Structure formats: C-alpha cells, structure tokens
Amino acid sequence: MRKNIFAVCDLEVDYAYNFMDYLNQKKNIPFEIQAFTNVQNLIAYGKENYIELLLISGKAMCREVREMDIGKIIILSEGVHSPGLDQFPSVYKYQSSSDVIREVMACYGEEKAVLPVQFPVLKKTTEILGVYSPLGRCLKTSLALTLGQVLAKDHAVLYLNLEEYAGFEELMGKGFDHNLSDLLYYVRQESQNLTVRMNSMIQTINNLDYIPPVQTPSDILGTPWKDWERLLDELVMHSSYEVIVLDIGNGIEELFQLLNRCRRVYMPVLNDAVSVCKMAQFENLLRIWDYPQVLSKTVKVRLPFHVGPASPEKYAEQLPWSELGDYVRDLLRKDIE
C-alpha cells in the first residue's frame, strides 16, 4: 500500500530541498514526500498523482493550484498577509522545521480526525521496550532517554514517559502546548485517526520523537488500563514507529499487564540491602499474580556512575555521548547477540 503524498512547493530552492531532507529523516512521517520549486512541475505531477497534503508558499499559490484535486492545502507564510488566501490555513515559514511540521499536522488533523479509521501501516513489526524499576533514584529515566536516542539513530522511535512527575518542562527548558494528557483525552473520546492527532504533539531530541509527559499526576493515576491498551494498539497498527520506548512509573493501572506487553523490560537495580529487599518483594508479587513471564523478559542493569552537564537543559541531549550512552550501546549489542 503506497503512502499518501505530502507535497511541498516553495520558489526558494534551498528552503524546499532542506525541508524535504528534514522530512525524509523523520521516519515516522506517514507520507511520501515530494518537493517542488516551481508551480508547473507541481501541476504536472498533480495530474498524474493524487496529493493528499500540499504545503505551498503564498507566492506560489495560483488559480491552477486551486483547481487541482488536493486533499488539504496549507499556505507556507512569510508573515505577510497574502490577499485571496484567507480560506486556507497557514503556518509561518521561518521557524524550525519541527515546529512547521507540528503546526501542519495540527491543521491536517483537525479535518482528518473525523474521517473513517485509516488502514494499518505497512511496516516491520513495532517493538515495545519498557524501562521500569520498583526502586527510586536509579537513573531509570536517564536510561530510557538514552536507549531511545541510541535506537533513533537507525530506527523510527517514540518515547513515552508514563510517570506522575516527569519534570520535562524543566528538563527541556521550554513549555509545551500539548502533552500526553491531550492524547489520552482523544483516546477516551475514541477519536478516529489517533496517530494524526498525535503528530501535532510530537517533539524531537536527537531524532528521538517524544510526546511531552502529563503535568498532572491524576492524568496517569486516573487512566484505566483499557485506555493504555487502546493507545498502544493504535501506535502498533497505525503509526510508522518501529520502536516504542515506555518509561514506566508506578501510577499505571494494571502495571503488570503493561510490562507484559513489552518485548523486553530494562530494570535498573541497586546493590544496597533495602533495594535488594524491595526487588525481592516485586518479583514475588509477579509470581503471586501469575506474571512469571515478565521475569523472563526482564534484563536487570546496574548502571555506571554518570556525571551530567551543569545545565539541566543540556542533560537529555548529551546522554548518548555519556558513560550511559556507551553502556546502552553495549547492552543493545549483547541483546542482539
């Protein structure tokens, strides 16, 4: 099944091709990307191929393009109002490519979210990896972020933080317009084309996509297992991600079922007496509740001493090149073997 066409038309050659290169690097974009630097080539292409989504500069927009059969047209604006284009949504051209894509997907999603459910994405199987520990202060989130970024070098990877307190606005040094709470709202509403909605929320760090975590603990604690299950099913069936990394906290309803959905669970452990006793209690509980298979897919890891940068905003993006990054690469290499 061929992907839908996402065409970009801008008369500024460098911008058009740089933007196309960025899109092609984003392995999760559920479109085939086509870039054009003149309107004539766009029109000729459109006569032979159906364009689902067109991002076109205001200067390139013309009557012939209006008359084409195109699913959705969005104007790439330079900040100056273009007469006669009021009926089309627009995004500002001179911002980061990731911000442009997020706004484009938001515009596209508002319309497409009400359409019938999409077909499954043709891809390799989606692998779900969990990072969890019943212990605190064990570098669990650092491990999950490192794992995601290392894998994202060669795969389309999505990181989801499922903790009550993740501190991501402070960690990343910026605020987020949308987060996991919004996505869970659409899950509860049983919105169609959930992954289209999700694409308007995606943030990126070192090619690793992530949805900002919840700001209110009750959004984790109050989410029933059926909603988590539906979200994972949607991601597996309808997203282009090859790997989903779950950073799992203790507030998840049916925690053991979630761990059981993972192909592998990486579990940071500590050597002190109290930590050993807590781990023993956790393992006994898995057996009591009839989830011994979770133990067989769990890899206990004793993480190396890790010194991060002084600035919290630089911490996450520098993880792949830290002692922890070397440890994770070795861990994955052994896992493959």
Protein backbone atom coordinates (compact mmCIF):
# COMPACT_ATOMS: atom_id res chain seq x y z
CA MET A 1 0.00 0.00 0.00
CA ARG A 2 1.51 3.29 -1.11
CA LYS A 3 1.76 6.16 1.32
CA ASN A 4 -0.27 9.34 0.82
CA ILE A 5 1.56 12.16 -0.94
CA PHE A 6 2.76 15.19 1.04
CA ALA A 7 3.91 17.81 -1.49
CA VAL A 8 5.93 20.89 -0.60
CA CYS A 9 6.14 23.74 -3.11
CA ASP A 10 8.34 26.75 -2.45
CA LEU A 11 10.02 29.00 -5.01
CA GLU A 12 13.06 29.28 -2.71
CA VAL A 13 15.07 26.26 -3.87
CA ASP A 14 17.27 25.84 -0.80
CA TYR A 15 14.35 26.03 1.56
CA ALA A 16 12.29 23.48 -0.37
CA TYR A 17 15.04 20.86 -0.53
CA ASN A 18 16.31 21.43 3.00
CA PHE A 19 12.77 21.00 4.27
CA MET A 20 12.35 17.82 2.20
CA ASP A 21 15.61 16.44 3.61
CA TYR A 22 14.33 17.06 7.13
CA LEU A 23 11.05 15.29 6.36
CA ASN A 24 12.83 12.29 4.85
CA GLN A 25 14.91 11.94 8.01
CA LYS A 26 11.71 11.75 10.06
CA LYS A 27 10.97 8.06 9.72
CA ASN A 28 7.59 8.42 11.42
CA ILE A 29 6.00 10.76 8.84
CA PRO A 30 3.14 8.72 7.30
CA PHE A 31 3.57 10.34 3.87
CA GLU A 32 5.64 10.06 0.75
CA ILE A 33 7.41 13.42 0.41
CA GLN A 34 7.64 15.32 -2.88
CA ALA A 35 9.29 18.76 -3.19
CA PHE A 36 8.77 21.29 -5.99
CA THR A 37 10.45 24.60 -6.71
CA ASN A 38 8.11 25.73 -9.48
CA VAL A 39 4.36 25.55 -9.91
CA GLN A 40 4.40 23.99 -13.38
CA ASN A 41 6.11 20.82 -12.14
CA LEU A 42 3.69 20.61 -9.21
CA ILE A 43 0.69 20.88 -11.53
CA ALA A 44 2.09 18.26 -13.91
CA TYR A 45 2.72 15.90 -11.02
CA GLY A 46 -0.75 16.51 -9.60
CA LYS A 47 -2.40 15.49 -12.88
CA GLU A 48 -0.85 12.02 -12.56
CA ASN A 49 -0.88 11.59 -8.76
CA TYR A 50 -3.35 12.42 -6.04
CA ILE A 51 -1.84 14.83 -3.49
CA GLU A 52 -3.27 14.34 -0.02
CA LEU A 53 -1.48 17.28 1.62
CA LEU A 54 0.08 20.34 -0.04
CA LEU A 55 2.25 22.88 1.78
CA ILE A 56 2.76 25.76 -0.64
CA SER A 57 4.22 29.23 -0.30
CA GLY A 58 1.86 32.16 -0.71
CA LYS A 59 3.93 33.41 -3.66
CA ALA A 60 3.49 30.09 -5.50
CA MET A 61 -0.27 29.82 -4.97
CA CYS A 62 -2.31 30.40 -8.14
CA ARG A 63 -5.63 29.64 -9.80
CA GLU A 64 -4.38 26.40 -11.39
CA VAL A 65 -3.37 25.01 -7.98
CA ARG A 66 -6.76 25.99 -6.50
CA GLU A 67 -8.48 23.98 -9.22
CA MET A 68 -6.45 20.82 -8.55
CA ASP A 69 -7.98 17.89 -6.67
CA ILE A 70 -5.97 18.09 -3.43
CA GLY A 71 -6.93 16.72 -0.04
CA LYS A 72 -5.69 19.63 2.07
CA ILE A 73 -3.84 22.85 1.16
CA ILE A 74 -1.84 24.77 3.76
CA ILE A 75 -0.07 28.04 2.99
CA LEU A 76 3.59 28.47 3.91
CA SER A 77 3.50 32.08 5.03
CA GLU A 78 6.36 34.59 5.26
CA GLY A 79 4.42 36.60 7.84
CA VAL A 80 2.83 38.98 5.35
CA HIS A 81 -0.88 38.61 4.66
CA SER A 82 -1.45 37.29 1.13
CA PRO A 83 -4.69 38.61 -0.41
CA GLY A 84 -7.18 36.00 -1.56
CA LEU A 85 -5.79 33.17 0.61
CA ASP A 86 -7.96 33.66 3.70
CA GLN A 87 -9.79 30.38 3.17
CA PHE A 88 -6.60 28.34 3.63
CA PRO A 89 -4.87 27.68 6.97
CA SER A 90 -1.27 28.90 7.13
CA VAL A 91 1.94 28.22 9.04
CA TYR A 92 4.87 30.59 9.45
CA LYS A 93 7.77 29.66 7.20
CA TYR A 94 10.76 30.96 9.15
CA GLN A 95 10.66 28.77 12.24
CA SER A 96 12.24 25.41 12.98
CA SER A 97 11.25 22.58 10.66
CA SER A 98 9.93 20.60 13.62
CA ASP A 99 7.60 23.47 14.56
CA VAL A 100 6.39 23.79 10.96
CA ILE A 101 5.58 20.07 10.85
CA ARG A 102 3.81 20.17 14.20
CA GLU A 103 1.56 23.04 13.00
CA VAL A 104 0.94 21.38 9.63
CA MET A 105 -0.08 18.13 11.33
CA ALA A 106 -2.38 20.08 13.69
CA CYS A 107 -4.13 21.71 10.69
CA TYR A 108 -4.33 18.41 8.85
CA GLY A 109 -5.50 16.53 11.92
CA GLU A 110 -8.44 18.83 12.66
CA GLU A 111 -10.04 17.73 9.42
CA LYS A 112 -8.77 14.18 9.04
CA ALA A 113 -9.53 13.15 12.61
CA VAL A 114 -13.23 12.89 11.72
CA LEU A 115 -12.68 10.62 8.72
CA PRO A 116 -13.13 6.82 8.84
CA VAL A 117 -10.32 4.93 10.54
CA GLN A 118 -7.19 4.53 8.45
CA PHE A 119 -5.71 1.27 7.19
CA PRO A 120 -2.86 -0.36 9.11
CA VAL A 121 0.57 0.96 8.20
CA LEU A 122 2.70 -1.46 6.19
CA LYS A 123 5.96 -1.77 8.12
CA LYS A 124 8.04 -4.16 10.12
CA THR A 125 6.66 -5.18 13.49
CA THR A 126 6.61 -2.50 16.18
CA GLU A 127 8.74 -3.41 19.18
CA ILE A 128 7.70 -2.18 22.62
CA LEU A 129 10.54 -1.77 25.11
CA GLY A 130 9.86 -0.97 28.73
CA VAL A 131 12.13 0.73 31.24
CA TYR A 132 10.90 0.18 34.77
CA SER A 133 12.12 -0.32 38.32
CA PRO A 134 10.32 -0.57 41.66
CA LEU A 135 13.29 1.35 43.06
CA GLY A 136 13.72 5.11 43.15
CA ARG A 137 16.78 7.22 42.31
CA CYS A 138 18.18 4.55 39.98
CA LEU A 139 18.60 6.60 36.73
CA LYS A 140 15.54 4.96 35.16
CA THR A 141 14.50 7.97 33.06
CA SER A 142 18.10 8.67 32.07
CA LEU A 143 18.36 5.08 30.84
CA ALA A 144 15.08 5.34 28.91
CA LEU A 145 16.07 8.60 27.20
CA THR A 146 19.50 7.22 26.33
CA LEU A 147 18.01 3.99 24.98
CA GLY A 148 15.56 5.92 22.82
CA GLN A 149 18.17 8.26 21.36
CA VAL A 150 20.64 5.48 20.60
CA LEU A 151 17.95 3.45 18.81
CA ALA A 152 16.66 6.55 16.97
CA LYS A 153 19.90 6.77 15.03
CA ASP A 154 18.73 3.89 12.82
CA HIS A 155 15.03 3.46 13.61
CA ALA A 156 11.80 5.42 13.96
CA VAL A 157 11.44 5.59 17.74
CA LEU A 158 8.79 7.11 20.01
CA TYR A 159 9.48 7.75 23.71
CA LEU A 160 6.56 7.93 26.14
CA ASN A 161 7.08 8.93 29.76
CA LEU A 162 4.33 7.39 31.92
CA GLU A 163 5.37 8.85 35.27
CA GLU A 164 3.26 11.05 37.52
CA TYR A 165 6.12 13.55 37.89
CA ALA A 166 8.45 13.72 34.89
CA GLY A 167 9.67 17.35 35.11
CA PHE A 168 10.11 17.64 31.35
CA GLU A 169 9.40 21.35 31.02
CA GLU A 170 12.22 21.98 33.45
CA LEU A 171 14.44 19.30 31.93
CA MET A 172 13.99 20.50 28.35
CA GLY A 173 13.95 24.20 29.27
CA LYS A 174 10.73 25.01 27.44
CA GLY A 175 6.97 24.83 27.73
CA PHE A 176 4.72 22.59 25.65
CA ASP A 177 1.36 23.48 24.13
CA HIS A 178 0.23 19.84 24.13
CA ASN A 179 1.20 16.79 26.13
CA LEU A 180 0.22 13.21 26.89
CA SER A 181 -2.88 14.40 28.75
CA ASP A 182 -4.27 15.73 25.45
CA LEU A 183 -3.56 12.45 23.68
CA LEU A 184 -5.23 10.47 26.47
CA TYR A 185 -8.27 12.74 26.10
CA TYR A 186 -8.57 11.74 22.44
CA VAL A 187 -8.13 8.10 23.45
CA ARG A 188 -11.04 8.41 25.91
CA GLN A 189 -13.17 10.09 23.22
CA GLU A 190 -12.34 7.20 20.89
CA SER A 191 -11.18 9.68 18.24
CA GLN A 192 -10.53 8.26 14.82
CA ASN A 193 -7.03 8.50 13.32
CA LEU A 194 -5.40 8.96 16.70
CA THR A 195 -1.91 8.99 15.20
CA VAL A 196 -2.80 12.02 13.07
CA ARG A 197 -3.73 13.87 16.25
CA MET A 198 -0.52 12.68 17.86
CA ASN A 199 1.69 14.07 15.09
CA SER A 200 0.68 17.61 16.09
CA MET A 201 2.12 17.00 19.59
CA ILE A 202 5.45 15.40 18.71
CA GLN A 203 8.68 16.93 19.99
CA THR A 204 12.13 15.71 18.95
CA ILE A 205 15.55 15.36 20.55
CA ASN A 206 18.44 13.85 18.57
CA ASN A 207 15.93 12.28 16.14
CA LEU A 208 14.01 10.68 19.03
CA ASP A 209 10.33 11.63 18.98
CA TYR A 210 8.52 12.10 22.25
CA ILE A 211 5.20 13.36 23.50
CA PRO A 212 5.64 15.68 26.49
CA PRO A 213 4.51 13.91 29.68
CA VAL A 214 1.47 14.85 31.74
CA GLN A 215 1.62 17.85 34.05
CA THR A 216 -0.97 16.50 36.49
CA PRO A 217 -0.39 13.14 38.26
CA SER A 218 -4.13 12.38 38.19
CA ASP A 219 -3.91 12.04 34.40
CA ILE A 220 -1.74 8.97 34.95
CA LEU A 221 -3.45 7.65 38.06
CA GLY A 222 -6.95 8.11 36.60
CA THR A 223 -6.32 6.43 33.23
CA PRO A 224 -7.77 2.89 33.13
CA TRP A 225 -5.89 0.01 31.55
CA LYS A 226 -8.27 -0.16 28.55
CA ASP A 227 -7.14 3.35 27.50
CA TRP A 228 -3.45 2.48 27.73
CA GLU A 229 -4.16 -0.69 25.76
CA ARG A 230 -6.01 1.21 23.04
CA LEU A 231 -3.22 3.76 22.76
CA LEU A 232 -0.60 1.03 22.33
CA ASP A 233 -2.76 -0.83 19.82
CA GLU A 234 -3.20 2.36 17.77
CA LEU A 235 0.54 3.03 17.78
CA VAL A 236 1.35 -0.52 16.73
CA MET A 237 -1.29 -0.64 13.97
CA HIS A 238 -1.37 2.89 12.58
CA SER A 239 1.90 4.67 13.34
CA SER A 240 5.15 4.33 11.42
CA TYR A 241 7.23 3.79 14.56
CA GLU A 242 9.43 0.74 14.67
CA VAL A 243 10.22 1.03 18.38
CA ILE A 244 8.22 2.44 21.29
CA VAL A 245 10.17 3.09 24.49
CA LEU A 246 7.97 3.25 27.59
CA ASP A 247 9.39 4.97 30.67
CA ILE A 248 7.05 3.39 33.20
CA GLY A 249 6.18 4.76 36.64
CA ASN A 250 4.25 3.15 39.47
CA GLY A 251 0.98 5.00 38.87
CA ILE A 252 -0.15 2.85 35.94
CA GLU A 253 -3.29 0.77 36.49
CA GLU A 254 -2.53 -2.89 35.70
CA LEU A 255 1.22 -2.30 35.77
CA PHE A 256 1.97 -6.00 35.28
CA GLN A 257 -0.16 -6.14 32.12
CA LEU A 258 1.76 -3.18 30.71
CA LEU A 259 5.09 -4.82 31.49
CA ASN A 260 3.79 -7.97 29.80
CA ARG A 261 3.13 -6.00 26.58
CA CYS A 262 6.84 -5.22 26.33
CA ARG A 263 9.21 -7.43 24.40
CA ARG A 264 11.97 -6.52 26.82
CA VAL A 265 11.96 -4.72 30.17
CA TYR A 266 15.17 -2.99 31.23
CA MET A 267 15.23 -2.69 35.01
CA PRO A 268 17.84 -0.59 36.83
CA VAL A 269 18.75 -2.18 40.17
CA LEU A 270 20.87 -1.15 43.16
CA ASN A 271 23.04 -3.24 45.48
CA ASP A 272 22.12 -1.87 48.92
CA ALA A 273 20.18 -4.10 51.31
CA VAL A 274 16.92 -2.14 51.19
CA SER A 275 16.88 -2.13 47.37
CA VAL A 276 17.54 -5.88 47.26
CA CYS A 277 14.58 -6.48 49.61
CA LYS A 278 12.27 -4.25 47.56
CA MET A 279 13.25 -6.11 44.40
CA ALA A 280 12.54 -9.45 46.06
CA GLN A 281 9.07 -8.26 47.06
CA PHE A 282 8.37 -7.10 43.49
CA GLU A 283 9.46 -10.43 42.00
CA ASN A 284 7.39 -12.40 44.50
CA LEU A 285 4.34 -10.32 43.63
CA LEU A 286 4.81 -11.07 39.92
CA ARG A 287 4.69 -14.78 40.72
CA ILE A 288 1.67 -14.44 43.02
CA TRP A 289 -0.27 -12.53 40.35
CA ASP A 290 0.72 -15.11 37.73
CA TYR A 291 3.07 -12.97 35.63
CA PRO A 292 6.27 -15.05 35.82
CA GLN A 293 6.83 -14.40 32.08
CA VAL A 294 7.65 -10.77 32.91
CA LEU A 295 10.67 -12.02 34.86
CA SER A 296 11.93 -13.94 31.84
CA LYS A 297 11.85 -10.85 29.62
CA THR A 298 13.39 -8.55 32.24
CA VAL A 299 17.05 -7.51 31.98
CA LYS A 300 18.44 -6.17 35.25
CA VAL A 301 21.03 -3.46 34.71
CA ARG A 302 23.49 -1.88 37.11
CA LEU A 303 24.13 1.47 35.54
CA PRO A 304 27.54 3.16 35.57
CA PHE A 305 28.24 6.28 37.56
CA HIS A 306 27.07 9.14 35.39
CA VAL A 307 28.03 12.82 35.52
CA GLY A 308 25.69 15.12 33.60
CA PRO A 309 26.23 18.72 32.46
CA ALA A 310 25.62 21.55 34.88
CA SER A 311 22.70 22.86 32.80
CA PRO A 312 19.53 20.69 33.03
CA GLU A 313 18.51 21.79 29.52
CA LYS A 314 21.59 20.08 28.03
CA TYR A 315 21.28 16.90 30.06
CA ALA A 316 18.95 14.83 27.87
CA GLU A 317 20.54 15.64 24.51
CA GLN A 318 24.06 14.78 25.75
CA LEU A 319 23.11 11.38 27.16
CA PRO A 320 24.03 9.36 24.02
CA TRP A 321 27.65 10.55 24.31
CA SER A 322 27.98 9.93 28.03
CA GLU A 323 29.15 6.89 30.00
CA LEU A 324 25.49 5.85 29.97
CA GLY A 325 25.42 6.02 26.17
CA ASP A 326 28.38 3.66 25.89
CA TYR A 327 26.71 1.32 28.37
CA VAL A 328 23.42 1.28 26.40
CA ARG A 329 25.16 0.57 23.07
CA ASP A 330 26.94 -2.37 24.66
CA LEU A 331 23.68 -3.53 26.24
CA LEU A 332 21.86 -3.49 22.89
CA ARG A 333 24.74 -5.26 21.17
CA LYS A 334 24.56 -8.08 23.72
CA ASP A 335 20.77 -8.23 23.38
CA ILE A 336 21.05 -8.74 19.62
CA GLU A 337 23.66 -11.45 20.08
